[in-house]
Amino acid sequence: MNIPYPGSFAFVQILGIITLILFVISVQQRKKENFLLFQIAGTLLFILQYVLTGSYTAAILFTIVLIRGLVFFYYKKKGLKPSRAVLIIFLTALGISTIISWQNILSIMPLIATAAKTWGTWQDNMGHTRKTSLLAQSSMIIYNLSAHIYTGALTEACNLVSTIIAIKRYDFYKEKP
């Protein structure tokens, strides 16, 4: 994938560093609301990175992820869980968007990542949320490397390590909040 805007390569990498910080902090949160807020902020920067690199499938899917994050945050603040219908709507939107914006076989990676993360964040159990993040992060490492978003790949690698630490910390040893 080419970077269509001259001079944006360095800017994309700087955005990636900020994104890295936001996502690493997100998976270390005990409360789902805080997790979602950091994820929303990081997602905004990911969208900008994908647009600047011409990775339009990922940009579209992460826009849906941004909307999903806002909807799920709203539900969480109201003390509610989104219905299965809400989950199915988001998963369907991700699938249709992938088909419409298909660029190449690597376009499947953002779909795998966003679908896994959608199902994970739909769960009430943060342990399930963290475990589905492992699949999402692994898929996006591959995609970001192919899109020349090296700090995005680094972000996902750091997220992967941070998620493993959080799983060990909160799920394996059952540290109390």
N, C-alpha and C. Protein backbone atom coordinates (compact mmCIF):
# COMPACT_ATOMS: atom_id res chain seq x y z
N MET A 1 0.84 -1.17 0.00
CA MET A 1 0.00 0.00 0.00
C MET A 1 0.88 1.23 0.00
N ASN A 2 0.55 2.19 -0.81
CA ASN A 2 1.34 3.40 -0.92
C ASN A 2 0.82 4.47 0.02
N ILE A 3 1.73 5.32 0.42
CA ILE A 3 1.33 6.46 1.21
C ILE A 3 1.05 7.58 0.22
N PRO A 4 -0.26 7.93 0.05
CA PRO A 4 -0.64 8.83 -1.02
C PRO A 4 -0.30 10.30 -0.80
N TYR A 5 0.02 10.69 0.41
CA TYR A 5 0.27 12.10 0.68
C TYR A 5 1.73 12.30 1.04
N PRO A 6 2.49 13.01 0.19
CA PRO A 6 3.91 13.21 0.45
C PRO A 6 4.12 13.85 1.83
N GLY A 7 5.12 13.38 2.53
CA GLY A 7 5.44 13.94 3.84
C GLY A 7 4.60 13.37 4.97
N SER A 8 3.63 12.52 4.63
CA SER A 8 2.77 12.01 5.70
C SER A 8 3.36 10.79 6.39
N PHE A 9 4.40 10.16 5.81
CA PHE A 9 4.97 8.96 6.43
C PHE A 9 5.41 9.24 7.86
N ALA A 10 6.18 10.31 8.07
CA ALA A 10 6.66 10.65 9.41
C ALA A 10 5.49 11.00 10.33
N PHE A 11 4.52 11.73 9.81
CA PHE A 11 3.34 12.11 10.60
C PHE A 11 2.57 10.87 11.02
N VAL A 12 2.42 9.92 10.11
CA VAL A 12 1.72 8.66 10.41
C VAL A 12 2.44 7.93 11.54
N GLN A 13 3.77 7.91 11.51
CA GLN A 13 4.52 7.21 12.54
C GLN A 13 4.41 7.92 13.89
N ILE A 14 4.38 9.25 13.89
CA ILE A 14 4.19 10.02 15.14
C ILE A 14 2.81 9.72 15.72
N LEU A 15 1.79 9.72 14.86
CA LEU A 15 0.45 9.35 15.33
C LEU A 15 0.46 7.96 15.94
N GLY A 16 1.24 7.08 15.34
CA GLY A 16 1.35 5.71 15.83
C GLY A 16 1.93 5.63 17.23
N ILE A 17 2.88 6.48 17.53
CA ILE A 17 3.46 6.48 18.88
C ILE A 17 2.42 6.91 19.91
N ILE A 18 1.65 7.94 19.58
CA ILE A 18 0.59 8.39 20.49
C ILE A 18 -0.48 7.29 20.63
N THR A 19 -0.82 6.65 19.52
CA THR A 19 -1.79 5.56 19.54
C THR A 19 -1.28 4.43 20.42
N LEU A 20 -0.02 4.11 20.29
CA LEU A 20 0.59 3.06 21.10
C LEU A 20 0.36 3.33 22.59
N ILE A 21 0.64 4.53 23.01
CA ILE A 21 0.49 4.89 24.42
C ILE A 21 -0.97 4.73 24.87
N LEU A 22 -1.90 5.20 24.06
CA LEU A 22 -3.32 5.11 24.42
C LEU A 22 -3.80 3.66 24.53
N PHE A 23 -3.41 2.82 23.58
CA PHE A 23 -3.87 1.43 23.60
C PHE A 23 -3.21 0.61 24.71
N VAL A 24 -1.94 0.86 24.99
CA VAL A 24 -1.28 0.13 26.08
C VAL A 24 -1.95 0.50 27.41
N ILE A 25 -2.26 1.76 27.59
CA ILE A 25 -2.95 2.18 28.81
C ILE A 25 -4.34 1.55 28.88
N SER A 26 -5.01 1.42 27.74
CA SER A 26 -6.40 0.93 27.73
C SER A 26 -6.52 -0.47 28.31
N VAL A 27 -5.66 -1.39 27.91
CA VAL A 27 -5.82 -2.78 28.36
C VAL A 27 -5.42 -2.97 29.82
N GLN A 28 -4.82 -1.97 30.42
CA GLN A 28 -4.47 -2.05 31.84
C GLN A 28 -5.57 -1.49 32.74
N GLN A 29 -6.66 -1.06 32.15
CA GLN A 29 -7.76 -0.50 32.93
C GLN A 29 -8.59 -1.60 33.58
N ARG A 30 -9.00 -1.36 34.80
CA ARG A 30 -9.88 -2.31 35.49
C ARG A 30 -11.32 -2.10 35.09
N LYS A 31 -11.70 -0.84 34.93
CA LYS A 31 -13.09 -0.51 34.59
C LYS A 31 -13.27 -0.46 33.08
N LYS A 32 -14.37 -1.05 32.63
CA LYS A 32 -14.64 -1.10 31.21
C LYS A 32 -14.83 0.30 30.62
N GLU A 33 -15.42 1.23 31.39
CA GLU A 33 -15.62 2.59 30.87
C GLU A 33 -14.28 3.24 30.51
N ASN A 34 -13.29 3.09 31.40
CA ASN A 34 -11.97 3.67 31.14
C ASN A 34 -11.30 2.98 29.96
N PHE A 35 -11.44 1.66 29.91
CA PHE A 35 -10.92 0.89 28.77
C PHE A 35 -11.48 1.44 27.47
N LEU A 36 -12.80 1.64 27.43
CA LEU A 36 -13.47 2.12 26.21
C LEU A 36 -13.02 3.53 25.84
N LEU A 37 -12.84 4.41 26.82
CA LEU A 37 -12.41 5.79 26.51
C LEU A 37 -11.02 5.81 25.85
N PHE A 38 -10.09 5.06 26.39
CA PHE A 38 -8.75 5.01 25.79
C PHE A 38 -8.80 4.36 24.41
N GLN A 39 -9.63 3.33 24.25
CA GLN A 39 -9.78 2.67 22.96
C GLN A 39 -10.37 3.63 21.92
N ILE A 40 -11.36 4.43 22.31
CA ILE A 40 -11.98 5.40 21.40
C ILE A 40 -10.94 6.42 20.92
N ALA A 41 -10.15 6.94 21.85
CA ALA A 41 -9.12 7.93 21.47
C ALA A 41 -8.09 7.31 20.53
N GLY A 42 -7.64 6.11 20.84
CA GLY A 42 -6.67 5.43 19.98
C GLY A 42 -7.25 5.10 18.61
N THR A 43 -8.51 4.72 18.58
CA THR A 43 -9.17 4.39 17.32
C THR A 43 -9.24 5.61 16.39
N LEU A 44 -9.51 6.78 16.95
CA LEU A 44 -9.53 8.00 16.14
C LEU A 44 -8.18 8.19 15.43
N LEU A 45 -7.11 7.96 16.15
CA LEU A 45 -5.78 8.12 15.54
C LEU A 45 -5.49 7.03 14.53
N PHE A 46 -5.95 5.81 14.81
CA PHE A 46 -5.78 4.74 13.82
C PHE A 46 -6.50 5.07 12.52
N ILE A 47 -7.72 5.60 12.62
CA ILE A 47 -8.47 5.97 11.40
C ILE A 47 -7.66 6.96 10.57
N LEU A 48 -7.13 7.97 11.22
CA LEU A 48 -6.33 8.97 10.51
C LEU A 48 -5.11 8.32 9.86
N GLN A 49 -4.44 7.42 10.57
CA GLN A 49 -3.29 6.71 9.99
C GLN A 49 -3.70 5.93 8.75
N TYR A 50 -4.80 5.22 8.83
CA TYR A 50 -5.23 4.40 7.70
C TYR A 50 -5.63 5.25 6.50
N VAL A 51 -6.26 6.37 6.73
CA VAL A 51 -6.62 7.27 5.62
C VAL A 51 -5.35 7.81 4.97
N LEU A 52 -4.40 8.24 5.79
CA LEU A 52 -3.16 8.82 5.26
C LEU A 52 -2.30 7.81 4.49
N THR A 53 -2.49 6.52 4.76
CA THR A 53 -1.70 5.50 4.05
C THR A 53 -2.50 4.83 2.94
N GLY A 54 -3.72 5.27 2.72
CA GLY A 54 -4.54 4.68 1.66
C GLY A 54 -5.08 3.31 2.01
N SER A 55 -5.10 2.97 3.27
CA SER A 55 -5.61 1.67 3.75
C SER A 55 -7.09 1.83 4.06
N TYR A 56 -7.88 1.93 3.00
CA TYR A 56 -9.28 2.34 3.15
C TYR A 56 -10.18 1.29 3.80
N THR A 57 -9.90 0.01 3.59
CA THR A 57 -10.70 -1.01 4.27
C THR A 57 -10.56 -0.85 5.78
N ALA A 58 -9.34 -0.71 6.24
CA ALA A 58 -9.11 -0.54 7.67
C ALA A 58 -9.72 0.78 8.17
N ALA A 59 -9.60 1.85 7.38
CA ALA A 59 -10.18 3.13 7.80
C ALA A 59 -11.69 3.03 7.97
N ILE A 60 -12.34 2.36 7.06
CA ILE A 60 -13.80 2.20 7.14
C ILE A 60 -14.17 1.32 8.33
N LEU A 61 -13.47 0.20 8.48
CA LEU A 61 -13.78 -0.71 9.58
C LEU A 61 -13.52 -0.05 10.93
N PHE A 62 -12.45 0.71 11.03
CA PHE A 62 -12.16 1.37 12.31
C PHE A 62 -13.10 2.54 12.57
N THR A 63 -13.72 3.09 11.54
CA THR A 63 -14.77 4.08 11.77
C THR A 63 -15.98 3.40 12.41
N ILE A 64 -16.29 2.20 11.94
CA ILE A 64 -17.37 1.42 12.57
C ILE A 64 -16.98 1.07 14.00
N VAL A 65 -15.71 0.74 14.21
CA VAL A 65 -15.22 0.44 15.56
C VAL A 65 -15.37 1.66 16.47
N LEU A 66 -15.09 2.83 15.92
CA LEU A 66 -15.25 4.07 16.70
C LEU A 66 -16.71 4.24 17.12
N ILE A 67 -17.61 4.06 16.19
CA ILE A 67 -19.05 4.16 16.50
C ILE A 67 -19.43 3.09 17.53
N ARG A 68 -18.94 1.88 17.33
CA ARG A 68 -19.18 0.80 18.29
C ARG A 68 -18.71 1.18 19.68
N GLY A 69 -17.53 1.74 19.77
CA GLY A 69 -16.98 2.16 21.06
C GLY A 69 -17.86 3.19 21.74
N LEU A 70 -18.34 4.15 20.96
CA LEU A 70 -19.23 5.18 21.52
C LEU A 70 -20.54 4.57 22.00
N VAL A 71 -21.10 3.67 21.19
CA VAL A 71 -22.37 3.02 21.57
C VAL A 71 -22.18 2.16 22.82
N PHE A 72 -21.13 1.36 22.83
CA PHE A 72 -20.89 0.49 23.99
C PHE A 72 -20.59 1.32 25.25
N PHE A 73 -19.88 2.43 25.08
CA PHE A 73 -19.61 3.32 26.22
C PHE A 73 -20.92 3.88 26.76
N TYR A 74 -21.80 4.31 25.87
CA TYR A 74 -23.11 4.83 26.28
C TYR A 74 -23.88 3.77 27.08
N TYR A 75 -23.91 2.56 26.56
CA TYR A 75 -24.60 1.48 27.27
C TYR A 75 -23.98 1.25 28.65
N LYS A 76 -22.67 1.22 28.72
CA LYS A 76 -21.98 0.95 29.98
C LYS A 76 -22.26 2.04 31.00
N LYS A 77 -22.27 3.29 30.54
CA LYS A 77 -22.56 4.42 31.45
C LYS A 77 -23.99 4.33 31.99
N LYS A 78 -24.90 3.75 31.21
CA LYS A 78 -26.30 3.59 31.64
C LYS A 78 -26.49 2.30 32.46
N GLY A 79 -25.41 1.54 32.64
CA GLY A 79 -25.50 0.29 33.38
C GLY A 79 -26.18 -0.83 32.61
N LEU A 80 -26.15 -0.74 31.29
CA LEU A 80 -26.80 -1.72 30.43
C LEU A 80 -25.78 -2.45 29.57
N LYS A 81 -26.21 -3.58 29.03
CA LYS A 81 -25.40 -4.31 28.05
C LYS A 81 -26.10 -4.20 26.71
N PRO A 82 -25.36 -3.89 25.64
CA PRO A 82 -25.99 -3.86 24.31
C PRO A 82 -26.61 -5.22 24.00
N SER A 83 -27.73 -5.21 23.34
CA SER A 83 -28.43 -6.45 23.00
C SER A 83 -27.65 -7.23 21.94
N ARG A 84 -28.07 -8.47 21.74
CA ARG A 84 -27.47 -9.26 20.66
C ARG A 84 -27.71 -8.61 19.31
N ALA A 85 -28.85 -7.95 19.18
CA ALA A 85 -29.16 -7.28 17.91
C ALA A 85 -28.12 -6.20 17.61
N VAL A 86 -27.70 -5.47 18.62
CA VAL A 86 -26.68 -4.43 18.45
C VAL A 86 -25.37 -5.09 18.00
N LEU A 87 -25.01 -6.19 18.65
CA LEU A 87 -23.81 -6.93 18.27
C LEU A 87 -23.89 -7.39 16.82
N ILE A 88 -25.01 -7.96 16.43
CA ILE A 88 -25.19 -8.47 15.06
C ILE A 88 -25.15 -7.33 14.05
N ILE A 89 -25.72 -6.19 14.39
CA ILE A 89 -25.68 -5.03 13.49
C ILE A 89 -24.23 -4.61 13.23
N PHE A 90 -23.43 -4.52 14.30
CA PHE A 90 -22.03 -4.12 14.12
C PHE A 90 -21.24 -5.17 13.33
N LEU A 91 -21.43 -6.44 13.64
CA LEU A 91 -20.71 -7.49 12.91
C LEU A 91 -21.11 -7.50 11.43
N THR A 92 -22.39 -7.29 11.15
CA THR A 92 -22.87 -7.24 9.76
C THR A 92 -22.27 -6.03 9.04
N ALA A 93 -22.26 -4.89 9.70
CA ALA A 93 -21.69 -3.68 9.10
C ALA A 93 -20.21 -3.89 8.78
N LEU A 94 -19.50 -4.55 9.66
CA LEU A 94 -18.08 -4.83 9.41
C LEU A 94 -17.90 -5.73 8.19
N GLY A 95 -18.72 -6.78 8.10
CA GLY A 95 -18.63 -7.70 6.96
C GLY A 95 -18.96 -7.03 5.65
N ILE A 96 -20.04 -6.28 5.61
CA ILE A 96 -20.45 -5.59 4.39
C ILE A 96 -19.41 -4.55 3.98
N SER A 97 -18.89 -3.81 4.95
CA SER A 97 -17.87 -2.79 4.65
C SER A 97 -16.60 -3.41 4.09
N THR A 98 -16.25 -4.58 4.58
CA THR A 98 -15.06 -5.27 4.06
C THR A 98 -15.28 -5.65 2.60
N ILE A 99 -16.45 -6.18 2.29
CA ILE A 99 -16.75 -6.58 0.92
C ILE A 99 -16.71 -5.36 -0.01
N ILE A 100 -17.32 -4.27 0.41
CA ILE A 100 -17.40 -3.06 -0.42
C ILE A 100 -16.02 -2.42 -0.64
N SER A 101 -15.19 -2.43 0.41
CA SER A 101 -13.90 -1.72 0.31
C SER A 101 -12.72 -2.65 0.05
N TRP A 102 -12.97 -3.88 -0.30
CA TRP A 102 -11.93 -4.90 -0.51
C TRP A 102 -10.82 -4.37 -1.40
N GLN A 103 -9.59 -4.48 -0.93
CA GLN A 103 -8.43 -4.07 -1.71
C GLN A 103 -7.60 -5.28 -2.14
N ASN A 104 -7.39 -6.21 -1.23
CA ASN A 104 -6.64 -7.43 -1.50
C ASN A 104 -6.88 -8.41 -0.36
N ILE A 105 -6.23 -9.55 -0.43
CA ILE A 105 -6.46 -10.60 0.57
C ILE A 105 -6.16 -10.12 1.99
N LEU A 106 -5.27 -9.16 2.13
CA LEU A 106 -4.95 -8.64 3.46
C LEU A 106 -6.11 -7.85 4.07
N SER A 107 -7.10 -7.50 3.26
CA SER A 107 -8.28 -6.81 3.78
C SER A 107 -9.04 -7.66 4.79
N ILE A 108 -8.79 -8.95 4.78
CA ILE A 108 -9.45 -9.85 5.73
C ILE A 108 -8.93 -9.62 7.15
N MET A 109 -7.69 -9.17 7.28
CA MET A 109 -7.09 -8.99 8.61
C MET A 109 -7.83 -7.96 9.47
N PRO A 110 -8.14 -6.77 8.94
CA PRO A 110 -8.91 -5.84 9.77
C PRO A 110 -10.30 -6.38 10.11
N LEU A 111 -10.88 -7.18 9.21
CA LEU A 111 -12.19 -7.77 9.51
C LEU A 111 -12.07 -8.75 10.68
N ILE A 112 -11.08 -9.61 10.64
CA ILE A 112 -10.87 -10.55 11.75
C ILE A 112 -10.67 -9.78 13.05
N ALA A 113 -9.82 -8.76 12.99
CA ALA A 113 -9.50 -7.98 14.19
C ALA A 113 -10.72 -7.26 14.74
N THR A 114 -11.45 -6.57 13.87
CA THR A 114 -12.58 -5.77 14.35
C THR A 114 -13.76 -6.64 14.78
N ALA A 115 -13.95 -7.76 14.12
CA ALA A 115 -15.04 -8.67 14.53
C ALA A 115 -14.72 -9.30 15.87
N ALA A 116 -13.49 -9.75 16.05
CA ALA A 116 -13.09 -10.34 17.33
C ALA A 116 -13.21 -9.32 18.45
N LYS A 117 -12.74 -8.13 18.19
CA LYS A 117 -12.78 -7.07 19.22
C LYS A 117 -14.22 -6.64 19.50
N THR A 118 -15.07 -6.64 18.48
CA THR A 118 -16.47 -6.29 18.70
C THR A 118 -17.13 -7.31 19.62
N TRP A 119 -16.92 -8.58 19.33
CA TRP A 119 -17.49 -9.61 20.20
C TRP A 119 -16.92 -9.50 21.60
N GLY A 120 -15.62 -9.25 21.71
CA GLY A 120 -14.96 -9.15 23.02
C GLY A 120 -15.45 -7.97 23.84
N THR A 121 -15.60 -6.82 23.21
CA THR A 121 -16.05 -5.66 23.98
C THR A 121 -17.55 -5.72 24.27
N TRP A 122 -18.26 -6.55 23.54
CA TRP A 122 -19.69 -6.76 23.83
C TRP A 122 -19.85 -7.53 25.14
N GLN A 123 -18.88 -8.34 25.47
CA GLN A 123 -18.92 -9.14 26.69
C GLN A 123 -18.85 -8.24 27.93
N ASP A 124 -19.49 -8.67 29.00
CA ASP A 124 -19.38 -7.95 30.27
C ASP A 124 -18.06 -8.28 30.97
N ASN A 125 -17.55 -9.45 30.72
CA ASN A 125 -16.37 -9.96 31.40
C ASN A 125 -15.11 -9.39 30.73
N MET A 126 -14.34 -8.59 31.46
CA MET A 126 -13.13 -7.99 30.90
C MET A 126 -12.10 -9.07 30.55
N GLY A 127 -12.16 -10.23 31.20
CA GLY A 127 -11.26 -11.33 30.84
C GLY A 127 -11.51 -11.78 29.41
N HIS A 128 -12.80 -11.90 29.03
CA HIS A 128 -13.13 -12.26 27.65
C HIS A 128 -12.70 -11.15 26.69
N THR A 129 -12.89 -9.91 27.11
CA THR A 129 -12.49 -8.77 26.29
C THR A 129 -10.99 -8.82 26.02
N ARG A 130 -10.21 -9.06 27.05
CA ARG A 130 -8.76 -9.13 26.88
C ARG A 130 -8.35 -10.31 25.99
N LYS A 131 -8.97 -11.46 26.17
CA LYS A 131 -8.59 -12.65 25.39
C LYS A 131 -8.91 -12.48 23.91
N THR A 132 -10.03 -11.86 23.57
CA THR A 132 -10.32 -11.64 22.15
C THR A 132 -9.40 -10.58 21.56
N SER A 133 -8.87 -9.73 22.42
CA SER A 133 -7.91 -8.72 21.95
C SER A 133 -6.66 -9.38 21.38
N LEU A 134 -6.29 -10.54 21.89
CA LEU A 134 -5.09 -11.23 21.39
C LEU A 134 -5.21 -11.54 19.90
N LEU A 135 -6.37 -12.03 19.47
CA LEU A 135 -6.59 -12.32 18.05
C LEU A 135 -6.60 -11.03 17.23
N ALA A 136 -7.28 -10.02 17.76
CA ALA A 136 -7.35 -8.73 17.06
C ALA A 136 -5.96 -8.13 16.88
N GLN A 137 -5.18 -8.13 17.92
CA GLN A 137 -3.84 -7.53 17.85
C GLN A 137 -2.93 -8.29 16.91
N SER A 138 -2.99 -9.61 16.94
CA SER A 138 -2.16 -10.42 16.04
C SER A 138 -2.50 -10.13 14.58
N SER A 139 -3.79 -10.05 14.28
CA SER A 139 -4.22 -9.77 12.90
C SER A 139 -3.75 -8.40 12.43
N MET A 140 -3.84 -7.42 13.32
CA MET A 140 -3.47 -6.06 12.92
C MET A 140 -1.96 -5.86 12.82
N ILE A 141 -1.18 -6.67 13.50
CA ILE A 141 0.28 -6.60 13.32
C ILE A 141 0.60 -6.93 11.86
N ILE A 142 0.02 -8.00 11.36
CA ILE A 142 0.25 -8.41 9.97
C ILE A 142 -0.22 -7.31 9.01
N TYR A 143 -1.42 -6.79 9.23
CA TYR A 143 -1.98 -5.79 8.33
C TYR A 143 -1.15 -4.50 8.35
N ASN A 144 -0.81 -4.03 9.53
CA ASN A 144 -0.06 -2.78 9.63
C ASN A 144 1.32 -2.89 8.99
N LEU A 145 1.97 -4.03 9.13
CA LEU A 145 3.26 -4.20 8.47
C LEU A 145 3.10 -4.13 6.95
N SER A 146 2.04 -4.73 6.43
CA SER A 146 1.81 -4.70 4.98
C SER A 146 1.44 -3.30 4.49
N ALA A 147 0.87 -2.49 5.37
CA ALA A 147 0.47 -1.13 5.00
C ALA A 147 1.56 -0.10 5.30
N HIS A 148 2.72 -0.56 5.75
CA HIS A 148 3.85 0.32 6.09
C HIS A 148 3.52 1.25 7.25
N ILE A 149 2.66 0.80 8.12
CA ILE A 149 2.35 1.56 9.34
C ILE A 149 3.11 0.87 10.46
N TYR A 150 4.40 1.14 10.49
CA TYR A 150 5.29 0.42 11.38
C TYR A 150 5.00 0.71 12.84
N THR A 151 4.67 1.95 13.17
CA THR A 151 4.33 2.23 14.55
C THR A 151 2.98 1.62 14.91
N GLY A 152 2.10 1.43 13.92
CA GLY A 152 0.85 0.72 14.17
C GLY A 152 1.12 -0.73 14.52
N ALA A 153 2.04 -1.36 13.79
CA ALA A 153 2.43 -2.74 14.10
C ALA A 153 3.10 -2.81 15.47
N LEU A 154 3.95 -1.83 15.75
CA LEU A 154 4.58 -1.77 17.06
C LEU A 154 3.54 -1.57 18.16
N THR A 155 2.55 -0.71 17.88
CA THR A 155 1.46 -0.49 18.84
C THR A 155 0.76 -1.81 19.14
N GLU A 156 0.43 -2.55 18.10
CA GLU A 156 -0.28 -3.82 18.32
C GLU A 156 0.61 -4.84 19.01
N ALA A 157 1.91 -4.84 18.72
CA ALA A 157 2.83 -5.75 19.42
C ALA A 157 2.90 -5.39 20.90
N CYS A 158 2.99 -4.10 21.19
CA CYS A 158 3.00 -3.66 22.59
C CYS A 158 1.66 -3.96 23.26
N ASN A 159 0.57 -3.76 22.52
CA ASN A 159 -0.76 -4.11 23.04
C ASN A 159 -0.83 -5.59 23.36
N LEU A 160 -0.25 -6.40 22.48
CA LEU A 160 -0.26 -7.84 22.69
C LEU A 160 0.46 -8.20 24.00
N VAL A 161 1.63 -7.62 24.20
CA VAL A 161 2.38 -7.86 25.44
C VAL A 161 1.60 -7.32 26.64
N SER A 162 1.07 -6.11 26.52
CA SER A 162 0.30 -5.51 27.61
C SER A 162 -0.94 -6.34 27.94
N THR A 163 -1.59 -6.87 26.90
CA THR A 163 -2.77 -7.70 27.12
C THR A 163 -2.40 -8.99 27.84
N ILE A 164 -1.29 -9.59 27.45
CA ILE A 164 -0.84 -10.81 28.12
C ILE A 164 -0.55 -10.53 29.59
N ILE A 165 0.08 -9.39 29.86
CA ILE A 165 0.34 -8.99 31.25
C ILE A 165 -0.98 -8.78 32.00
N ALA A 166 -1.92 -8.11 31.36
CA ALA A 166 -3.22 -7.87 32.00
C ALA A 166 -3.97 -9.18 32.26
N ILE A 167 -3.90 -10.11 31.31
CA ILE A 167 -4.54 -11.42 31.50
C ILE A 167 -3.92 -12.13 32.70
N LYS A 168 -2.60 -12.10 32.75
CA LYS A 168 -1.91 -12.73 33.88
C LYS A 168 -2.27 -12.02 35.19
N ARG A 169 -2.31 -10.72 35.14
CA ARG A 169 -2.54 -9.90 36.34
C ARG A 169 -3.98 -10.01 36.84
N TYR A 170 -4.94 -9.88 35.94
CA TYR A 170 -6.34 -9.82 36.36
C TYR A 170 -7.10 -11.13 36.22
N ASP A 171 -6.73 -11.94 35.24
CA ASP A 171 -7.51 -13.14 34.96
C ASP A 171 -6.86 -14.40 35.52
N PHE A 172 -5.55 -14.50 35.37
CA PHE A 172 -4.86 -15.70 35.82
C PHE A 172 -4.74 -15.72 37.34
N TYR A 173 -4.28 -14.60 37.89
CA TYR A 173 -4.11 -14.52 39.34
C TYR A 173 -5.32 -13.95 40.05
N LYS A 174 -6.31 -13.49 39.26
CA LYS A 174 -7.57 -12.95 39.80
C LYS A 174 -7.33 -11.83 40.81
N GLU A 175 -6.49 -10.85 40.42
CA GLU A 175 -6.25 -9.70 41.27
C GLU A 175 -7.56 -8.95 41.45
N LYS A 176 -7.86 -8.59 42.65
CA LYS A 176 -9.12 -7.90 42.96
C LYS A 176 -9.01 -6.41 42.63
N PRO A 177 -10.09 -5.84 42.03
CA PRO A 177 -10.06 -4.40 41.71
C PRO A 177 -10.05 -3.54 42.94
